[in-house]
Structure formats: structure tokens, C-alpha cells
PDB file of N, CA and C in Angstrom:
ATOM      1  N   MET A   1       2.205  -6.286  10.137  1.00  0.00           N
ATOM      2  CA  MET A   1       3.408  -5.512   9.938  1.00  0.00           C
ATOM      3  C   MET A   1       4.064  -5.870   8.606  1.00  0.00           C
ATOM      4  N   ASP A   2       4.155  -7.156   8.354  1.00  0.00           N
ATOM      5  CA  ASP A   2       4.783  -7.618   7.118  1.00  0.00           C
ATOM      6  C   ASP A   2       3.935  -7.257   5.904  1.00  0.00           C
ATOM      7  N   CYS A   3       2.617  -7.257   6.086  1.00  0.00           N
ATOM      8  CA  CYS A   3       1.704  -6.904   5.004  1.00  0.00           C
ATOM      9  C   CYS A   3       1.859  -5.431   4.634  1.00  0.00           C
ATOM     10  N   GLU A   4       2.047  -4.574   5.640  1.00  0.00           N
ATOM     11  CA  GLU A   4       2.236  -3.143   5.382  1.00  0.00           C
ATOM     12  C   GLU A   4       3.504  -2.899   4.576  1.00  0.00           C
ATOM     13  N   ARG A   5       4.555  -3.608   4.891  1.00  0.00           N
ATOM     14  CA  ARG A   5       5.808  -3.454   4.143  1.00  0.00           C
ATOM     15  C   ARG A   5       5.641  -3.893   2.702  1.00  0.00           C
ATOM     16  N   THR A   6       4.901  -4.966   2.490  1.00  0.00           N
ATOM     17  CA  THR A   6       4.668  -5.452   1.129  1.00  0.00           C
ATOM     18  C   THR A   6       3.880  -4.426   0.327  1.00  0.00           C
ATOM     19  N   VAL A   7       2.867  -3.834   0.946  1.00  0.00           N
ATOM     20  CA  VAL A   7       2.061  -2.820   0.261  1.00  0.00           C
ATOM     21  C   VAL A   7       2.911  -1.601  -0.051  1.00  0.00           C
ATOM     22  N   MET A   8       3.713  -1.145   0.902  1.00  0.00           N
ATOM     23  CA  MET A   8       4.578   0.012   0.678  1.00  0.00           C
ATOM     24  C   MET A   8       5.596  -0.257  -0.422  1.00  0.00           C
ATOM     25  N   ARG A   9       6.176  -1.454  -0.414  1.00  0.00           N
ATOM     26  CA  ARG A   9       7.149  -1.813  -1.436  1.00  0.00           C
ATOM     27  C   ARG A   9       6.493  -1.823  -2.810  1.00  0.00           C
ATOM     28  N   ARG A  10       5.256  -2.304  -2.893  1.00  0.00           N
ATOM     29  CA  ARG A  10       4.528  -2.321  -4.155  1.00  0.00           C
ATOM     30  C   ARG A  10       4.272  -0.904  -4.647  1.00  0.00           C
ATOM     31  N   HIS A  11       3.913   0.008  -3.731  1.00  0.00           N
ATOM     32  CA  HIS A  11       3.680   1.405  -4.104  1.00  0.00           C
ATOM     33  C   HIS A  11       4.961   2.059  -4.600  1.00  0.00           C
ATOM     34  N   VAL A  12       6.058   1.791  -3.921  1.00  0.00           N
ATOM     35  CA  VAL A  12       7.341   2.371  -4.326  1.00  0.00           C
ATOM     36  C   VAL A  12       7.747   1.841  -5.697  1.00  0.00           C
ATOM     37  N   ASN A  13       7.574   0.542  -5.926  1.00  0.00           N
ATOM     38  CA  ASN A  13       7.934  -0.037  -7.218  1.00  0.00           C
ATOM     39  C   ASN A  13       7.111   0.559  -8.354  1.00  0.00           C
ATOM     40  N   LYS A  14       5.842   0.831  -8.110  1.00  0.00           N
ATOM     41  CA  LYS A  14       4.988   1.400  -9.151  1.00  0.00           C
ATOM     42  C   LYS A  14       5.233   2.893  -9.331  1.00  0.00           C
ATOM     43  N   SER A  15       5.897   3.530  -8.387  1.00  0.00           N
ATOM     44  CA  SER A  15       6.185   4.962  -8.481  1.00  0.00           C
ATOM     45  C   SER A  15       7.509   5.250  -9.174  1.00  0.00           C
ATOM     46  N   ILE A  16       8.322   4.247  -9.377  1.00  0.00           N
ATOM     47  CA  ILE A  16       9.658   4.470  -9.939  1.00  0.00           C
ATOM     48  C   ILE A  16       9.592   5.016 -11.358  1.00  0.00           C
ATOM     49  N   ALA A  17       8.795   4.413 -12.218  1.00  0.00           N
ATOM     50  CA  ALA A  17       8.722   4.851 -13.622  1.00  0.00           C
ATOM     51  C   ALA A  17       8.235   6.291 -13.757  1.00  0.00           C
ATOM     52  N   PRO A  18       7.137   6.692 -13.092  1.00  0.00           N
ATOM     53  CA  PRO A  18       6.720   8.092 -13.207  1.00  0.00           C
ATOM     54  C   PRO A  18       7.781   9.080 -12.708  1.00  0.00           C
ATOM     55  N   VAL A  19       8.502   8.714 -11.654  1.00  0.00           N
ATOM     56  CA  VAL A  19       9.541   9.599 -11.124  1.00  0.00           C
ATOM     57  C   VAL A  19      10.674   9.740 -12.140  1.00  0.00           C
ATOM     58  N   ILE A  20      11.082   8.642 -12.759  1.00  0.00           N
ATOM     59  CA  ILE A  20      12.164   8.697 -13.745  1.00  0.00           C
ATOM     60  C   ILE A  20      11.751   9.537 -14.948  1.00  0.00           C
ATOM     61  N   VAL A  21      10.526   9.344 -15.428  1.00  0.00           N
ATOM     62  CA  VAL A  21      10.042  10.126 -16.566  1.00  0.00           C
ATOM     63  C   VAL A  21       9.990  11.611 -16.215  1.00  0.00           C
ATOM     64  N   ALA A  22       9.506  11.924 -15.020  1.00  0.00           N
ATOM     65  CA  ALA A  22       9.421  13.326 -14.601  1.00  0.00           C
ATOM     66  C   ALA A  22      10.808  13.941 -14.489  1.00  0.00           C
ATOM     67  N   ILE A  23      11.769  13.215 -13.945  1.00  0.00           N
ATOM     68  CA  ILE A  23      13.133  13.738 -13.819  1.00  0.00           C
ATOM     69  C   ILE A  23      13.723  14.006 -15.200  1.00  0.00           C
ATOM     70  N   CYS A  24      13.497  13.107 -16.137  1.00  0.00           N
ATOM     71  CA  CYS A  24      14.012  13.299 -17.503  1.00  0.00           C
ATOM     72  C   CYS A  24      13.389  14.530 -18.159  1.00  0.00           C
ATOM     73  N   LEU A  25      12.070  14.675 -18.033  1.00  0.00           N
ATOM     74  CA  LEU A  25      11.399  15.840 -18.621  1.00  0.00           C
ATOM     75  C   LEU A  25      11.862  17.142 -17.984  1.00  0.00           C
ATOM     76  N   ILE A  26      11.950  17.153 -16.673  1.00  0.00           N
ATOM     77  CA  ILE A  26      12.382  18.364 -15.974  1.00  0.00           C
ATOM     78  C   ILE A  26      13.812  18.712 -16.361  1.00  0.00           C
ATOM     79  N   GLY A  27      14.679  17.729 -16.399  1.00  0.00           N
ATOM     80  CA  GLY A  27      16.059  17.968 -16.824  1.00  0.00           C
ATOM     81  C   GLY A  27      16.145  18.507 -18.237  1.00  0.00           C
ATOM     82  N   TYR A  28      15.342  17.944 -19.128  1.00  0.00           N
ATOM     83  CA  TYR A  28      15.324  18.390 -20.525  1.00  0.00           C
ATOM     84  C   TYR A  28      14.929  19.858 -20.627  1.00  0.00           C
ATOM     85  N   TYR A  29      13.867  20.241 -19.933  1.00  0.00           N
ATOM     86  CA  TYR A  29      13.404  21.622 -20.018  1.00  0.00           C
ATOM     87  C   TYR A  29      14.314  22.601 -19.286  1.00  0.00           C
ATOM     88  N   ILE A  30      14.950  22.165 -18.214  1.00  0.00           N
ATOM     89  CA  ILE A  30      15.895  23.047 -17.524  1.00  0.00           C
ATOM     90  C   ILE A  30      17.131  23.282 -18.393  1.00  0.00           C
ATOM     91  N   VAL A  31      17.648  22.209 -18.988  1.00  0.00           N
ATOM     92  CA  VAL A  31      18.808  22.363 -19.884  1.00  0.00           C
ATOM     93  C   VAL A  31      18.431  23.236 -21.075  1.00  0.00           C
ATOM     94  N   GLY A  32      17.230  23.051 -21.602  1.00  0.00           N
ATOM     95  CA  GLY A  32      16.779  23.884 -22.719  1.00  0.00           C
ATOM     96  C   GLY A  32      16.685  25.352 -22.340  1.00  0.00           C
ATOM     97  N   ALA A  33      16.170  25.623 -21.147  1.00  0.00           N
ATOM     98  CA  ALA A  33      16.051  27.012 -20.699  1.00  0.00           C
ATOM     99  C   ALA A  33      17.423  27.635 -20.496  1.00  0.00           C
ATOM    100  N   ILE A  34      18.345  26.881 -19.926  1.00  0.00           N
ATOM    101  CA  ILE A  34      19.699  27.400 -19.719  1.00  0.00           C
ATOM    102  C   ILE A  34      20.386  27.648 -21.056  1.00  0.00           C
ATOM    103  N   THR A  35      20.220  26.732 -21.988  1.00  0.00           N
ATOM    104  CA  THR A  35      20.819  26.896 -23.313  1.00  0.00           C
ATOM    105  C   THR A  35      20.237  28.109 -24.013  1.00  0.00           C
ATOM    106  N   LEU A  36      18.924  28.285 -23.926  1.00  0.00           N
ATOM    107  CA  LEU A  36      18.296  29.453 -24.548  1.00  0.00           C
ATOM    108  C   LEU A  36      18.764  30.748 -23.915  1.00  0.00           C
ATOM    109  N   ALA A  37      18.986  30.735 -22.614  1.00  0.00           N
ATOM    110  CA  ALA A  37      19.438  31.947 -21.923  1.00  0.00           C
ATOM    111  C   ALA A  37      20.821  32.371 -22.398  1.00  0.00           C
ATOM    112  N   LYS A  38      21.618  31.409 -22.831  1.00  0.00           N
ATOM    113  CA  LYS A  38      22.973  31.716 -23.289  1.00  0.00           C
ATOM    114  C   LYS A  38      23.041  32.120 -24.757  1.00  0.00           C
ATOM    115  N   LEU A  39      21.987  31.835 -25.533  1.00  0.00           N
ATOM    116  CA  LEU A  39      22.000  32.163 -26.955  1.00  0.00           C
ATOM    117  C   LEU A  39      21.843  33.661 -27.174  1.00  0.00           C
ATOM    118  N   ASP A  40      22.259  34.087 -28.339  1.00  0.00           N
ATOM    119  CA  ASP A  40      22.178  35.498 -28.693  1.00  0.00           C
ATOM    120  C   ASP A  40      20.902  35.761 -29.492  1.00  0.00           C
ATOM    121  N   VAL A  41      19.774  35.760 -28.775  1.00  0.00           N
ATOM    122  CA  VAL A  41      18.483  36.077 -29.381  1.00  0.00           C
ATOM    123  C   VAL A  41      17.835  37.181 -28.549  1.00  0.00           C
ATOM    124  N   SER A  42      16.731  37.702 -29.049  1.00  0.00           N
ATOM    125  CA  SER A  42      16.114  38.826 -28.346  1.00  0.00           C
ATOM    126  C   SER A  42      15.603  38.392 -26.970  1.00  0.00           C
ATOM    127  N   ASN A  43      15.518  39.353 -26.094  1.00  0.00           N
ATOM    128  CA  ASN A  43      15.091  39.079 -24.718  1.00  0.00           C
ATOM    129  C   ASN A  43      13.641  38.612 -24.650  1.00  0.00           C
ATOM    130  N   ILE A  44      12.821  39.064 -25.575  1.00  0.00           N
ATOM    131  CA  ILE A  44      11.419  38.642 -25.585  1.00  0.00           C
ATOM    132  C   ILE A  44      11.328  37.148 -25.878  1.00  0.00           C
ATOM    133  N   ILE A  45      12.086  36.690 -26.863  1.00  0.00           N
ATOM    134  CA  ILE A  45      12.074  35.269 -27.209  1.00  0.00           C
ATOM    135  C   ILE A  45      12.631  34.442 -26.051  1.00  0.00           C
ATOM    136  N   LYS A  46      13.707  34.921 -25.433  1.00  0.00           N
ATOM    137  CA  LYS A  46      14.262  34.223 -24.271  1.00  0.00           C
ATOM    138  C   LYS A  46      13.237  34.131 -23.151  1.00  0.00           C
ATOM    139  N   SER A  47      12.577  35.233 -22.865  1.00  0.00           N
ATOM    140  CA  SER A  47      11.602  35.269 -21.770  1.00  0.00           C
ATOM    141  C   SER A  47      10.445  34.311 -22.027  1.00  0.00           C
ATOM    142  N   ILE A  48       9.935  34.302 -23.252  1.00  0.00           N
ATOM    143  CA  ILE A  48       8.818  33.421 -23.585  1.00  0.00           C
ATOM    144  C   ILE A  48       9.243  31.958 -23.485  1.00  0.00           C
ATOM    145  N   ALA A  49      10.404  31.638 -24.034  1.00  0.00           N
ATOM    146  CA  ALA A  49      10.874  30.259 -24.016  1.00  0.00           C
ATOM    147  C   ALA A  49      11.155  29.783 -22.588  1.00  0.00           C
ATOM    148  N   ILE A  50      11.755  30.624 -21.770  1.00  0.00           N
ATOM    149  CA  ILE A  50      12.032  30.254 -20.385  1.00  0.00           C
ATOM    150  C   ILE A  50      10.728  30.128 -19.603  1.00  0.00           C
ATOM    151  N   ALA A  51       9.768  31.014 -19.860  1.00  0.00           N
ATOM    152  CA  ALA A  51       8.473  30.917 -19.180  1.00  0.00           C
ATOM    153  C   ALA A  51       7.765  29.610 -19.542  1.00  0.00           C
ATOM    154  N   ILE A  52       7.806  29.224 -20.805  1.00  0.00           N
ATOM    155  CA  ILE A  52       7.198  27.964 -21.225  1.00  0.00           C
ATOM    156  C   ILE A  52       7.889  26.793 -20.543  1.00  0.00           C
ATOM    157  N   SER A  53       9.212  26.837 -20.471  1.00  0.00           N
ATOM    158  CA  SER A  53       9.954  25.765 -19.804  1.00  0.00           C
ATOM    159  C   SER A  53       9.581  25.664 -18.331  1.00  0.00           C
ATOM    160  N   VAL A  54       9.456  26.788 -17.676  1.00  0.00           N
ATOM    161  CA  VAL A  54       9.101  26.794 -16.253  1.00  0.00           C
ATOM    162  C   VAL A  54       7.680  26.268 -16.064  1.00  0.00           C
ATOM    163  N   ILE A  55       6.761  26.685 -16.917  1.00  0.00           N
ATOM    164  CA  ILE A  55       5.374  26.218 -16.810  1.00  0.00           C
ATOM    165  C   ILE A  55       5.300  24.705 -16.997  1.00  0.00           C
ATOM    166  N   ILE A  56       5.993  24.195 -18.014  1.00  0.00           N
ATOM    167  CA  ILE A  56       5.971  22.754 -18.262  1.00  0.00           C
ATOM    168  C   ILE A  56       6.610  22.005 -17.092  1.00  0.00           C
ATOM    169  N   THR A  57       7.654  22.553 -16.516  1.00  0.00           N
ATOM    170  CA  THR A  57       8.296  21.919 -15.359  1.00  0.00           C
ATOM    171  C   THR A  57       7.341  21.866 -14.166  1.00  0.00           C
ATOM    172  N   VAL A  58       6.654  22.950 -13.891  1.00  0.00           N
ATOM    173  CA  VAL A  58       5.704  22.993 -12.766  1.00  0.00           C
ATOM    174  C   VAL A  58       4.559  22.008 -13.005  1.00  0.00           C
ATOM    175  N   VAL A  59       4.042  21.972 -14.224  1.00  0.00           N
ATOM    176  CA  VAL A  59       2.953  21.041 -14.536  1.00  0.00           C
ATOM    177  C   VAL A  59       3.429  19.598 -14.396  1.00  0.00           C
ATOM    178  N   THR A  60       4.646  19.309 -14.824  1.00  0.00           N
ATOM    179  CA  THR A  60       5.191  17.959 -14.693  1.00  0.00           C
ATOM    180  C   THR A  60       5.276  17.545 -13.235  1.00  0.00           C
ATOM    181  N   VAL A  61       5.720  18.435 -12.370  1.00  0.00           N
ATOM    182  CA  VAL A  61       5.800  18.124 -10.937  1.00  0.00           C
ATOM    183  C   VAL A  61       4.398  17.903 -10.368  1.00  0.00           C
ATOM    184  N   MET A  62       3.440  18.717 -10.765  1.00  0.00           N
ATOM    185  CA  MET A  62       2.071  18.559 -10.278  1.00  0.00           C
ATOM    186  C   MET A  62       1.481  17.216 -10.719  1.00  0.00           C
ATOM    187  N   VAL A  63       1.709  16.837 -11.961  1.00  0.00           N
ATOM    188  CA  VAL A  63       1.207  15.558 -12.465  1.00  0.00           C
ATOM    189  C   VAL A  63       1.883  14.396 -11.745  1.00  0.00           C
ATOM    190  N   LEU A  64       3.176  14.529 -11.471  1.00  0.00           N
ATOM    191  CA  LEU A  64       3.898  13.486 -10.748  1.00  0.00           C
ATOM    192  C   LEU A  64       3.313  13.298  -9.346  1.00  0.00           C
ATOM    193  N   VAL A  65       3.076  14.380  -8.648  1.00  0.00           N
ATOM    194  CA  VAL A  65       2.503  14.294  -7.297  1.00  0.00           C
ATOM    195  C   VAL A  65       1.116  13.658  -7.354  1.00  0.00           C
ATOM    196  N   GLU A  66       0.319  14.052  -8.334  1.00  0.00           N
ATOM    197  CA  GLU A  66      -1.017  13.469  -8.480  1.00  0.00           C
ATOM    198  C   GLU A  66      -0.937  11.970  -8.772  1.00  0.00           C
ATOM    199  N   ARG A  67      -0.005  11.571  -9.618  1.00  0.00           N
ATOM    200  CA  ARG A  67       0.142  10.152  -9.961  1.00  0.00           C
ATOM    201  C   ARG A  67       0.589   9.330  -8.746  1.00  0.00           C
ATOM    202  N   ILE A  68       1.521   9.858  -7.978  1.00  0.00           N
ATOM    203  CA  ILE A  68       1.971   9.145  -6.772  1.00  0.00           C
ATOM    204  C   ILE A  68       0.824   9.008  -5.776  1.00  0.00           C
ATOM    205  N   ASN A  69       0.001  10.047  -5.647  1.00  0.00           N
ATOM    206  CA  ASN A  69      -1.162   9.952  -4.764  1.00  0.00           C
ATOM    207  C   ASN A  69      -2.156   8.913  -5.267  1.00  0.00           C
ATOM    208  N   GLU A  70      -2.345   8.817  -6.583  1.00  0.00           N
ATOM    209  CA  GLU A  70      -3.223   7.796  -7.152  1.00  0.00           C
ATOM    210  C   GLU A  70      -2.700   6.399  -6.829  1.00  0.00           C
ATOM    211  N   ILE A  71      -1.408   6.215  -6.947  1.00  0.00           N
ATOM    212  CA  ILE A  71      -0.825   4.904  -6.652  1.00  0.00           C
ATOM    213  C   ILE A  71      -1.020   4.561  -5.178  1.00  0.00           C
ATOM    214  N   LYS A  72      -0.846   5.539  -4.292  1.00  0.00           N
ATOM    215  CA  LYS A  72      -1.041   5.289  -2.864  1.00  0.00           C
ATOM    216  C   LYS A  72      -2.482   4.936  -2.532  1.00  0.00           C
ATOM    217  N   ARG A  73      -3.429   5.528  -3.280  1.00  0.00           N
ATOM    218  CA  ARG A  73      -4.846   5.226  -3.046  1.00  0.00           C
ATOM    219  C   ARG A  73      -5.264   3.907  -3.685  1.00  0.00           C
ATOM    220  N   GLY A  74      -4.392   3.310  -4.478  1.00  0.00           N
ATOM    221  CA  GLY A  74      -4.714   2.034  -5.098  1.00  0.00           C
ATOM    222  C   GLY A  74      -5.292   2.157  -6.488  1.00  0.00           C
ATOM    223  N   GLU A  75      -5.174   3.316  -7.110  1.00  0.00           N
ATOM    224  CA  GLU A  75      -5.690   3.523  -8.460  1.00  0.00           C
ATOM    225  C   GLU A  75      -4.556   3.364  -9.464  1.00  0.00           C
ATOM    226  N   GLU A  76      -3.922   2.197  -9.464  1.00  0.00           N
ATOM    227  CA  GLU A  76      -2.771   1.990 -10.325  1.00  0.00           C
ATOM    228  C   GLU A  76      -3.135   2.017 -11.795  1.00  0.00           C
ATOM    229  N   ASP A  77      -4.310   1.484 -12.127  1.00  0.00           N
ATOM    230  CA  ASP A  77      -4.712   1.384 -13.518  1.00  0.00           C
ATOM    231  C   ASP A  77      -5.796   2.411 -13.802  1.00  0.00           C
ATOM    232  N   ASP A  78      -5.426   3.676 -13.834  1.00  0.00           N
ATOM    233  CA  ASP A  78      -6.418   4.723 -14.012  1.00  0.00           C
ATOM    234  C   ASP A  78      -6.942   4.805 -15.438  1.00  0.00           C
ATOM    235  N   LEU A  79      -6.310   4.161 -16.399  1.00  0.00           N
ATOM    236  CA  LEU A  79      -6.794   4.175 -17.773  1.00  0.00           C
ATOM    237  C   LEU A  79      -8.065   3.351 -17.926  1.00  0.00           C
ATOM    238  N   SER A  80      -8.320   2.439 -16.999  1.00  0.00           N
ATOM    239  CA  SER A  80      -9.515   1.604 -17.106  1.00  0.00           C
ATOM    240  C   SER A  80     -10.784   2.417 -16.877  1.00  0.00           C
ATOM    241  N   LYS A  81     -10.669   3.628 -16.360  1.00  0.00           N
ATOM    242  CA  LYS A  81     -11.833   4.471 -16.141  1.00  0.00           C
ATOM    243  C   LYS A  81     -12.385   5.044 -17.435  1.00  0.00           C
ATOM    244  N   TYR A  82     -11.572   5.095 -18.457  1.00  0.00           N
ATOM    245  CA  TYR A  82     -11.972   5.796 -19.680  1.00  0.00           C
ATOM    246  C   TYR A  82     -12.356   4.852 -20.779  1.00  0.00           C
TER     247      TYR A  82
END
């Protein structure tokens, strides 16, 4: 029982940095999209910029989920594969 808690705590500790980075990136792109929506530029430019922001946000969430799953499987040092 105590060993399981230690393993879970280790996984949570290793997941903190990726979560913080993902939150910062998502916040940056959401604020950028909102700012662009308020600017007085053509609708085509707004649409393209907002679409890019949404795509990057979705990809960031997907990468975050994949990284957390890697940490849970014990692949903390995935750079050693390359």
C-alpha cells in the first residue's frame, strides 16, 4: 500500500512540469486568439490566426496527455530512445 502511494507521488511530481508548460502555452494562444479577434483586421486573417491558435492548443493537449501516459508507464526518460 505504501509502495503504491510512493509510485503515484513520483508520477504526479514528474507530471507537474509538463502540465505547467501546457497551461502556459494554451493560455498564450487563447489570449492571442482573443486579442486578434478584437483587432481591426480582415476576417480572413482573423479566421486563419484563430484556426492556427486552436490547432496548436489541441495539439498541446494531445501531447500533454501522451506525456502523462508515458510517465505512468514508466517511460520518464524518453529521450534515451533516440
